[in-house]
Amino acid sequence: MVARRRVGYLFGGAPTTLPFIEVFRQELREQGYVEGQTIILEVRGAEGRAERMPELVAELVGLKVDVLVAQSSATAVAA
């Protein structure tokens, strides 16, 4: 059985950022990762409220993600 890796994806924007997430998912598929089978993607967005980022980072860390993807430099600083 293949171990599923948990990937956290943090973005600071609003739901209009969703196309970026879909591109990320597509790239994962092209690399052979299958969501729900080989990876679990945990997506969190601050909806333009920077003060929410530390809370979202803590939530993703609490989920014990194997890797945390920060979509922007602001989310990277929060992480």
C-alpha atoms as a PDB file:
ATOM      1  CA  MET A   1       0.000   0.000   0.000  1.00  0.00           C
ATOM      2  CA  VAL A   2       1.293   3.443  -0.960  1.00  0.00           C
ATOM      3  CA  ALA A   3       1.431   5.968   1.868  1.00  0.00           C
ATOM      4  CA  ARG A   4      -0.664   9.052   1.220  1.00  0.00           C
ATOM      5  CA  ARG A   5       1.186  12.281   1.712  1.00  0.00           C
ATOM      6  CA  ARG A   6      -0.666  15.270   3.098  1.00  0.00           C
ATOM      7  CA  VAL A   7       0.002  18.555   1.296  1.00  0.00           C
ATOM      8  CA  GLY A   8      -1.059  21.872   2.814  1.00  0.00           C
ATOM      9  CA  TYR A   9      -1.785  24.701   0.381  1.00  0.00           C
ATOM     10  CA  LEU A  10      -2.109  28.190   1.873  1.00  0.00           C
ATOM     11  CA  PHE A  11      -3.234  31.251  -0.030  1.00  0.00           C
ATOM     12  CA  GLY A  12      -3.994  34.726   1.197  1.00  0.00           C
ATOM     13  CA  GLY A  13      -6.578  35.747  -1.328  1.00  0.00           C
ATOM     14  CA  ALA A  14     -10.249  35.275  -1.944  1.00  0.00           C
ATOM     15  CA  PRO A  15     -11.953  32.414  -3.790  1.00  0.00           C
ATOM     16  CA  THR A  16     -10.939  34.124  -7.053  1.00  0.00           C
ATOM     17  CA  THR A  17      -7.544  32.504  -6.364  1.00  0.00           C
ATOM     18  CA  LEU A  18      -9.044  29.084  -7.100  1.00  0.00           C
ATOM     19  CA  PRO A  19      -7.631  28.905 -10.667  1.00  0.00           C
ATOM     20  CA  PHE A  20      -4.128  28.804  -9.138  1.00  0.00           C
ATOM     21  CA  ILE A  21      -5.143  25.866  -6.981  1.00  0.00           C
ATOM     22  CA  GLU A  22      -6.544  24.038  -9.989  1.00  0.00           C
ATOM     23  CA  VAL A  23      -3.267  24.567 -11.872  1.00  0.00           C
ATOM     24  CA  PHE A  24      -1.422  23.148  -8.849  1.00  0.00           C
ATOM     25  CA  ARG A  25      -3.742  20.117  -8.802  1.00  0.00           C
ATOM     26  CA  GLN A  26      -3.223  19.587 -12.533  1.00  0.00           C
ATOM     27  CA  GLU A  27       0.555  19.695 -12.131  1.00  0.00           C
ATOM     28  CA  LEU A  28       0.366  17.164  -9.299  1.00  0.00           C
ATOM     29  CA  ARG A  29      -1.683  14.858 -11.558  1.00  0.00           C
ATOM     30  CA  GLU A  30       0.871  15.259 -14.350  1.00  0.00           C
ATOM     31  CA  GLN A  31       3.578  14.197 -11.880  1.00  0.00           C
ATOM     32  CA  GLY A  32       1.611  11.040 -11.063  1.00  0.00           C
ATOM     33  CA  TYR A  33      -0.052  12.093  -7.814  1.00  0.00           C
ATOM     34  CA  VAL A  34      -3.706  11.194  -7.428  1.00  0.00           C
ATOM     35  CA  GLU A  35      -5.700  13.257  -4.964  1.00  0.00           C
ATOM     36  CA  GLY A  36      -7.390  11.006  -2.440  1.00  0.00           C
ATOM     37  CA  GLN A  37      -5.144   8.067  -3.364  1.00  0.00           C
ATOM     38  CA  THR A  38      -1.491   9.117  -3.168  1.00  0.00           C
ATOM     39  CA  ILE A  39      -1.945  12.604  -1.691  1.00  0.00           C
ATOM     40  CA  ILE A  40      -4.420  14.506   0.397  1.00  0.00           C
ATOM     41  CA  LEU A  41      -4.582  18.199  -0.448  1.00  0.00           C
ATOM     42  CA  GLU A  42      -5.555  20.488   2.436  1.00  0.00           C
ATOM     43  CA  VAL A  43      -6.410  23.939   1.033  1.00  0.00           C
ATOM     44  CA  ARG A  44      -6.816  26.972   3.272  1.00  0.00           C
ATOM     45  CA  GLY A  45      -7.384  30.596   2.248  1.00  0.00           C
ATOM     46  CA  ALA A  46      -7.342  33.782   4.293  1.00  0.00           C
ATOM     47  CA  GLU A  47      -9.838  35.511   1.970  1.00  0.00           C
ATOM     48  CA  GLY A  48      -7.748  38.663   1.910  1.00  0.00           C
ATOM     49  CA  ARG A  49      -7.526  38.880   5.701  1.00  0.00           C
ATOM     50  CA  ALA A  50      -3.838  38.689   6.578  1.00  0.00           C
ATOM     51  CA  GLU A  51      -4.597  38.404  10.294  1.00  0.00           C
ATOM     52  CA  ARG A  52      -6.088  34.947   9.620  1.00  0.00           C
ATOM     53  CA  MET A  53      -2.879  33.494   8.185  1.00  0.00           C
ATOM     54  CA  PRO A  54      -1.226  32.461  11.485  1.00  0.00           C
ATOM     55  CA  GLU A  55      -4.417  30.615  12.466  1.00  0.00           C
ATOM     56  CA  LEU A  56      -4.543  28.824   9.114  1.00  0.00           C
ATOM     57  CA  VAL A  57      -0.848  27.885   9.320  1.00  0.00           C
ATOM     58  CA  ALA A  58      -1.436  26.472  12.806  1.00  0.00           C
ATOM     59  CA  GLU A  59      -4.378  24.470  11.500  1.00  0.00           C
ATOM     60  CA  LEU A  60      -2.318  22.975   8.676  1.00  0.00           C
ATOM     61  CA  VAL A  61       0.585  22.185  11.008  1.00  0.00           C
ATOM     62  CA  GLY A  62      -1.902  20.531  13.360  1.00  0.00           C
ATOM     63  CA  LEU A  63      -2.985  18.302  10.483  1.00  0.00           C
ATOM     64  CA  LYS A  64       0.655  17.182  10.241  1.00  0.00           C
ATOM     65  CA  VAL A  65       1.078  18.061   6.588  1.00  0.00           C
ATOM     66  CA  ASP A  66       4.177  16.610   4.963  1.00  0.00           C
ATOM     67  CA  VAL A  67       4.753  19.806   3.003  1.00  0.00           C
ATOM     68  CA  LEU A  68       3.246  23.274   3.145  1.00  0.00           C
ATOM     69  CA  VAL A  69       2.895  25.223  -0.082  1.00  0.00           C
ATOM     70  CA  ALA A  70       2.667  28.994   0.372  1.00  0.00           C
ATOM     71  CA  GLN A  71       1.201  30.674  -2.689  1.00  0.00           C
ATOM     72  CA  SER A  72       2.754  34.085  -2.073  1.00  0.00           C
ATOM     73  CA  SER A  73       5.502  35.742  -0.101  1.00  0.00           C
ATOM     74  CA  ALA A  74       2.930  36.979   2.441  1.00  0.00           C
ATOM     75  CA  THR A  75       1.754  33.419   3.089  1.00  0.00           C
ATOM     76  CA  ALA A  76       5.376  32.227   3.237  1.00  0.00           C
ATOM     77  CA  VAL A  77       6.149  34.821   5.909  1.00  0.00           C
ATOM     78  CA  ALA A  78       3.101  33.640   7.901  1.00  0.00           C
ATOM     79  CA  ALA A  79       4.257  30.054   7.566  1.00  0.00           C
END
